Amino acid sequence: MILSAKILLLAAALQVALTFAVYVILMRRRSAAIKAGVKLQDTALDSSLWPAPARQAQANLANQYELPVLFFAGVGIAFAVGSANWLLAILALVFALARVWHAFEHLGGNIVRRRGMAFGIGFFALGLFWAALVIPALLA
């Protein structure tokens, strides 16, 4: 496998690892809430009953199944059609690193301006990724 394809795969693996990490954070925050007295049965149908730190992690986990879906689709298509090149690899890495930054901001101080900047960088990188994937194919 060429280096650019390996980096593209590494970026996808980073996004997967981030999702697993957020699951662990969510489980820890919910466990702490249960130890503090939250009744698990009460939260079964109303997730708003979790304390703010657990809801914050839950919201971030939901984020990992929104924009990254388009990322994984693009990576899969890039490998399927044999177009895993340096531009796609760099854009994929920028996207994945922006998602890590976004999660760090969201799960930490949750300063919306910085979180929005992280999201915007990832969003822009993913848009460029798709343009770099599709335009050459359409022009060929």
C-alpha atoms as a PDB file:
ATOM      1  CA  MET A   1       0.000   0.000   0.000  1.00  0.00           C
ATOM      2  CA  ILE A   2       1.370   3.404  -0.916  1.00  0.00           C
ATOM      3  CA  LEU A   3       2.067   5.944   1.819  1.00  0.00           C
ATOM      4  CA  SER A   4      -0.794   8.281   0.883  1.00  0.00           C
ATOM      5  CA  ALA A   5      -3.258   5.380   1.151  1.00  0.00           C
ATOM      6  CA  LYS A   6      -1.802   4.457   4.542  1.00  0.00           C
ATOM      7  CA  ILE A   7      -2.281   8.027   5.767  1.00  0.00           C
ATOM      8  CA  LEU A   8      -5.840   8.017   4.460  1.00  0.00           C
ATOM      9  CA  LEU A   9      -6.474   4.782   6.351  1.00  0.00           C
ATOM     10  CA  LEU A  10      -4.778   6.233   9.442  1.00  0.00           C
ATOM     11  CA  ALA A  11      -7.116   9.255   9.342  1.00  0.00           C
ATOM     12  CA  ALA A  12     -10.132   6.932   9.220  1.00  0.00           C
ATOM     13  CA  ALA A  13      -8.706   4.883  12.090  1.00  0.00           C
ATOM     14  CA  LEU A  14      -8.200   8.082  14.091  1.00  0.00           C
ATOM     15  CA  GLN A  15     -11.875   8.947  13.648  1.00  0.00           C
ATOM     16  CA  VAL A  16     -12.848   5.423  14.746  1.00  0.00           C
ATOM     17  CA  ALA A  17     -10.562   5.667  17.799  1.00  0.00           C
ATOM     18  CA  LEU A  18     -12.109   9.033  18.669  1.00  0.00           C
ATOM     19  CA  THR A  19     -15.588   7.512  18.566  1.00  0.00           C
ATOM     20  CA  PHE A  20     -14.510   4.691  20.883  1.00  0.00           C
ATOM     21  CA  ALA A  21     -12.888   7.215  23.232  1.00  0.00           C
ATOM     22  CA  VAL A  22     -16.082   9.252  23.417  1.00  0.00           C
ATOM     23  CA  TYR A  23     -18.020   6.066  24.240  1.00  0.00           C
ATOM     24  CA  VAL A  24     -15.627   5.444  27.139  1.00  0.00           C
ATOM     25  CA  ILE A  25     -16.032   9.025  28.359  1.00  0.00           C
ATOM     26  CA  LEU A  26     -19.813   8.700  28.159  1.00  0.00           C
ATOM     27  CA  MET A  27     -19.761   5.432  30.116  1.00  0.00           C
ATOM     28  CA  ARG A  28     -17.558   6.944  32.806  1.00  0.00           C
ATOM     29  CA  ARG A  29     -19.739  10.030  33.149  1.00  0.00           C
ATOM     30  CA  ARG A  30     -22.899   7.960  33.344  1.00  0.00           C
ATOM     31  CA  SER A  31     -21.329   5.617  35.890  1.00  0.00           C
ATOM     32  CA  ALA A  32     -20.363   8.605  38.024  1.00  0.00           C
ATOM     33  CA  ALA A  33     -23.921   9.919  37.757  1.00  0.00           C
ATOM     34  CA  ILE A  34     -25.372   6.577  38.850  1.00  0.00           C
ATOM     35  CA  LYS A  35     -23.003   6.501  41.826  1.00  0.00           C
ATOM     36  CA  ALA A  36     -24.187  10.025  42.668  1.00  0.00           C
ATOM     37  CA  GLY A  37     -27.813   8.884  42.754  1.00  0.00           C
ATOM     38  CA  VAL A  38     -29.220   9.051  39.233  1.00  0.00           C
ATOM     39  CA  LYS A  39     -31.621   6.150  38.782  1.00  0.00           C
ATOM     40  CA  LEU A  40     -30.850   4.257  35.594  1.00  0.00           C
ATOM     41  CA  GLN A  41     -34.499   3.340  35.048  1.00  0.00           C
ATOM     42  CA  ASP A  42     -35.477   7.027  35.086  1.00  0.00           C
ATOM     43  CA  THR A  43     -33.086   7.796  32.238  1.00  0.00           C
ATOM     44  CA  ALA A  44     -34.256   4.928  30.028  1.00  0.00           C
ATOM     45  CA  LEU A  45     -36.857   7.080  28.259  1.00  0.00           C
ATOM     46  CA  ASP A  46     -35.683  10.566  29.187  1.00  0.00           C
ATOM     47  CA  SER A  47     -32.006  11.268  28.599  1.00  0.00           C
ATOM     48  CA  SER A  48     -32.474  14.825  29.881  1.00  0.00           C
ATOM     49  CA  LEU A  49     -32.378  13.349  33.400  1.00  0.00           C
ATOM     50  CA  TRP A  50     -28.643  12.687  33.094  1.00  0.00           C
ATOM     51  CA  PRO A  51     -26.493  15.439  34.595  1.00  0.00           C
ATOM     52  CA  ALA A  52     -24.895  17.973  32.237  1.00  0.00           C
ATOM     53  CA  PRO A  53     -21.485  16.218  31.871  1.00  0.00           C
ATOM     54  CA  ALA A  54     -23.165  12.997  30.719  1.00  0.00           C
ATOM     55  CA  ARG A  55     -25.489  14.861  28.332  1.00  0.00           C
ATOM     56  CA  GLN A  56     -22.457  16.708  26.969  1.00  0.00           C
ATOM     57  CA  ALA A  57     -20.714  13.409  26.209  1.00  0.00           C
ATOM     58  CA  GLN A  58     -23.925  12.013  24.713  1.00  0.00           C
ATOM     59  CA  ALA A  59     -24.199  15.041  22.419  1.00  0.00           C
ATOM     60  CA  ASN A  60     -20.602  14.636  21.331  1.00  0.00           C
ATOM     61  CA  LEU A  61     -21.137  10.961  20.626  1.00  0.00           C
ATOM     62  CA  ALA A  62     -24.098  11.885  18.415  1.00  0.00           C
ATOM     63  CA  ASN A  63     -21.737  14.273  16.578  1.00  0.00           C
ATOM     64  CA  GLN A  64     -19.493  11.301  15.757  1.00  0.00           C
ATOM     65  CA  TYR A  65     -22.344   9.836  13.673  1.00  0.00           C
ATOM     66  CA  GLU A  66     -23.183  12.960  11.719  1.00  0.00           C
ATOM     67  CA  LEU A  67     -20.487  14.588   9.562  1.00  0.00           C
ATOM     68  CA  PRO A  68     -18.073  11.627   9.906  1.00  0.00           C
ATOM     69  CA  VAL A  69     -20.541   9.474   7.974  1.00  0.00           C
ATOM     70  CA  LEU A  70     -19.719  11.528   4.865  1.00  0.00           C
ATOM     71  CA  PHE A  71     -16.029  11.170   5.692  1.00  0.00           C
ATOM     72  CA  PHE A  72     -16.183   7.368   5.896  1.00  0.00           C
ATOM     73  CA  ALA A  73     -18.206   7.189   2.691  1.00  0.00           C
ATOM     74  CA  GLY A  74     -15.582   9.285   0.914  1.00  0.00           C
ATOM     75  CA  VAL A  75     -12.697   7.216   2.245  1.00  0.00           C
ATOM     76  CA  GLY A  76     -14.448   4.021   1.161  1.00  0.00           C
ATOM     77  CA  ILE A  77     -15.101   5.394  -2.316  1.00  0.00           C
ATOM     78  CA  ALA A  78     -11.497   6.641  -2.601  1.00  0.00           C
ATOM     79  CA  PHE A  79     -10.192   3.141  -1.871  1.00  0.00           C
ATOM     80  CA  ALA A  80     -12.807   1.455  -4.070  1.00  0.00           C
ATOM     81  CA  VAL A  81     -11.952   3.516  -7.139  1.00  0.00           C
ATOM     82  CA  GLY A  82      -8.209   3.609  -6.468  1.00  0.00           C
ATOM     83  CA  SER A  83      -7.924   7.356  -5.985  1.00  0.00           C
ATOM     84  CA  ALA A  84      -6.271   7.449  -2.561  1.00  0.00           C
ATOM     85  CA  ASN A  85      -3.775  10.218  -3.309  1.00  0.00           C
ATOM     86  CA  TRP A  86      -1.813  12.758  -1.289  1.00  0.00           C
ATOM     87  CA  LEU A  87      -4.407  15.493  -1.485  1.00  0.00           C
ATOM     88  CA  LEU A  88      -7.129  13.200  -0.168  1.00  0.00           C
ATOM     89  CA  ALA A  89      -4.794  11.869   2.527  1.00  0.00           C
ATOM     90  CA  ILE A  90      -3.916  15.352   3.791  1.00  0.00           C
ATOM     91  CA  LEU A  91      -7.522  16.541   3.725  1.00  0.00           C
ATOM     92  CA  ALA A  92      -8.634  13.377   5.539  1.00  0.00           C
ATOM     93  CA  LEU A  93      -5.984  13.910   8.192  1.00  0.00           C
ATOM     94  CA  VAL A  94      -7.020  17.552   8.631  1.00  0.00           C
ATOM     95  CA  PHE A  95     -10.636  16.421   8.998  1.00  0.00           C
ATOM     96  CA  ALA A  96      -9.810  13.748  11.580  1.00  0.00           C
ATOM     97  CA  LEU A  97      -7.569  16.075  13.598  1.00  0.00           C
ATOM     98  CA  ALA A  98     -10.255  18.777  13.520  1.00  0.00           C
ATOM     99  CA  ARG A  99     -12.752  16.220  14.839  1.00  0.00           C
ATOM    100  CA  VAL A 100     -10.391  15.382  17.712  1.00  0.00           C
ATOM    101  CA  TRP A 101     -10.041  19.093  18.472  1.00  0.00           C
ATOM    102  CA  HIS A 102     -13.839  19.507  18.253  1.00  0.00           C
ATOM    103  CA  ALA A 103     -14.395  16.638  20.709  1.00  0.00           C
ATOM    104  CA  PHE A 104     -11.738  17.997  23.078  1.00  0.00           C
ATOM    105  CA  GLU A 105     -13.467  21.378  23.092  1.00  0.00           C
ATOM    106  CA  HIS A 106     -16.960  19.907  23.374  1.00  0.00           C
ATOM    107  CA  LEU A 107     -16.090  17.525  26.212  1.00  0.00           C
ATOM    108  CA  GLY A 108     -13.912  20.043  28.018  1.00  0.00           C
ATOM    109  CA  GLY A 109     -14.712  23.693  28.571  1.00  0.00           C
ATOM    110  CA  ASN A 110     -17.230  23.660  25.708  1.00  0.00           C
ATOM    111  CA  ILE A 111     -16.324  27.124  24.501  1.00  0.00           C
ATOM    112  CA  VAL A 112     -18.653  27.353  21.539  1.00  0.00           C
ATOM    113  CA  ARG A 113     -16.486  29.729  19.508  1.00  0.00           C
ATOM    114  CA  ARG A 114     -13.458  27.383  19.598  1.00  0.00           C
ATOM    115  CA  ARG A 115     -15.651  24.342  19.086  1.00  0.00           C
ATOM    116  CA  GLY A 116     -17.232  26.082  16.086  1.00  0.00           C
ATOM    117  CA  MET A 117     -13.815  26.858  14.642  1.00  0.00           C
ATOM    118  CA  ALA A 118     -12.802  23.209  14.962  1.00  0.00           C
ATOM    119  CA  PHE A 119     -16.055  22.140  13.317  1.00  0.00           C
ATOM    120  CA  GLY A 120     -15.615  24.688  10.520  1.00  0.00           C
ATOM    121  CA  ILE A 121     -12.097  23.502   9.708  1.00  0.00           C
ATOM    122  CA  GLY A 122     -13.258  19.889   9.568  1.00  0.00           C
ATOM    123  CA  PHE A 123     -16.323  20.805   7.517  1.00  0.00           C
ATOM    124  CA  PHE A 124     -14.214  22.776   5.037  1.00  0.00           C
ATOM    125  CA  ALA A 125     -11.604  19.992   4.784  1.00  0.00           C
ATOM    126  CA  LEU A 126     -14.327  17.425   4.154  1.00  0.00           C
ATOM    127  CA  GLY A 127     -15.907  19.597   1.463  1.00  0.00           C
ATOM    128  CA  LEU A 128     -12.534  19.915  -0.263  1.00  0.00           C
ATOM    129  CA  PHE A 129     -11.999  16.166   0.178  1.00  0.00           C
ATOM    130  CA  TRP A 130     -15.226  15.419  -1.687  1.00  0.00           C
ATOM    131  CA  ALA A 131     -14.436  17.959  -4.396  1.00  0.00           C
ATOM    132  CA  ALA A 132     -10.971  16.419  -4.853  1.00  0.00           C
ATOM    133  CA  LEU A 133     -12.556  12.977  -5.009  1.00  0.00           C
ATOM    134  CA  VAL A 134     -15.403  13.735  -7.404  1.00  0.00           C
ATOM    135  CA  ILE A 135     -14.170  16.462  -9.778  1.00  0.00           C
ATOM    136  CA  PRO A 136     -11.227  14.481 -11.247  1.00  0.00           C
ATOM    137  CA  ALA A 137     -13.539  11.506 -11.815  1.00  0.00           C
ATOM    138  CA  LEU A 138     -16.086  13.670 -13.611  1.00  0.00           C
ATOM    139  CA  LEU A 139     -13.395  15.256 -15.791  1.00  0.00           C
ATOM    140  CA  ALA A 140     -11.840  11.934 -16.786  1.00  0.00           C
END
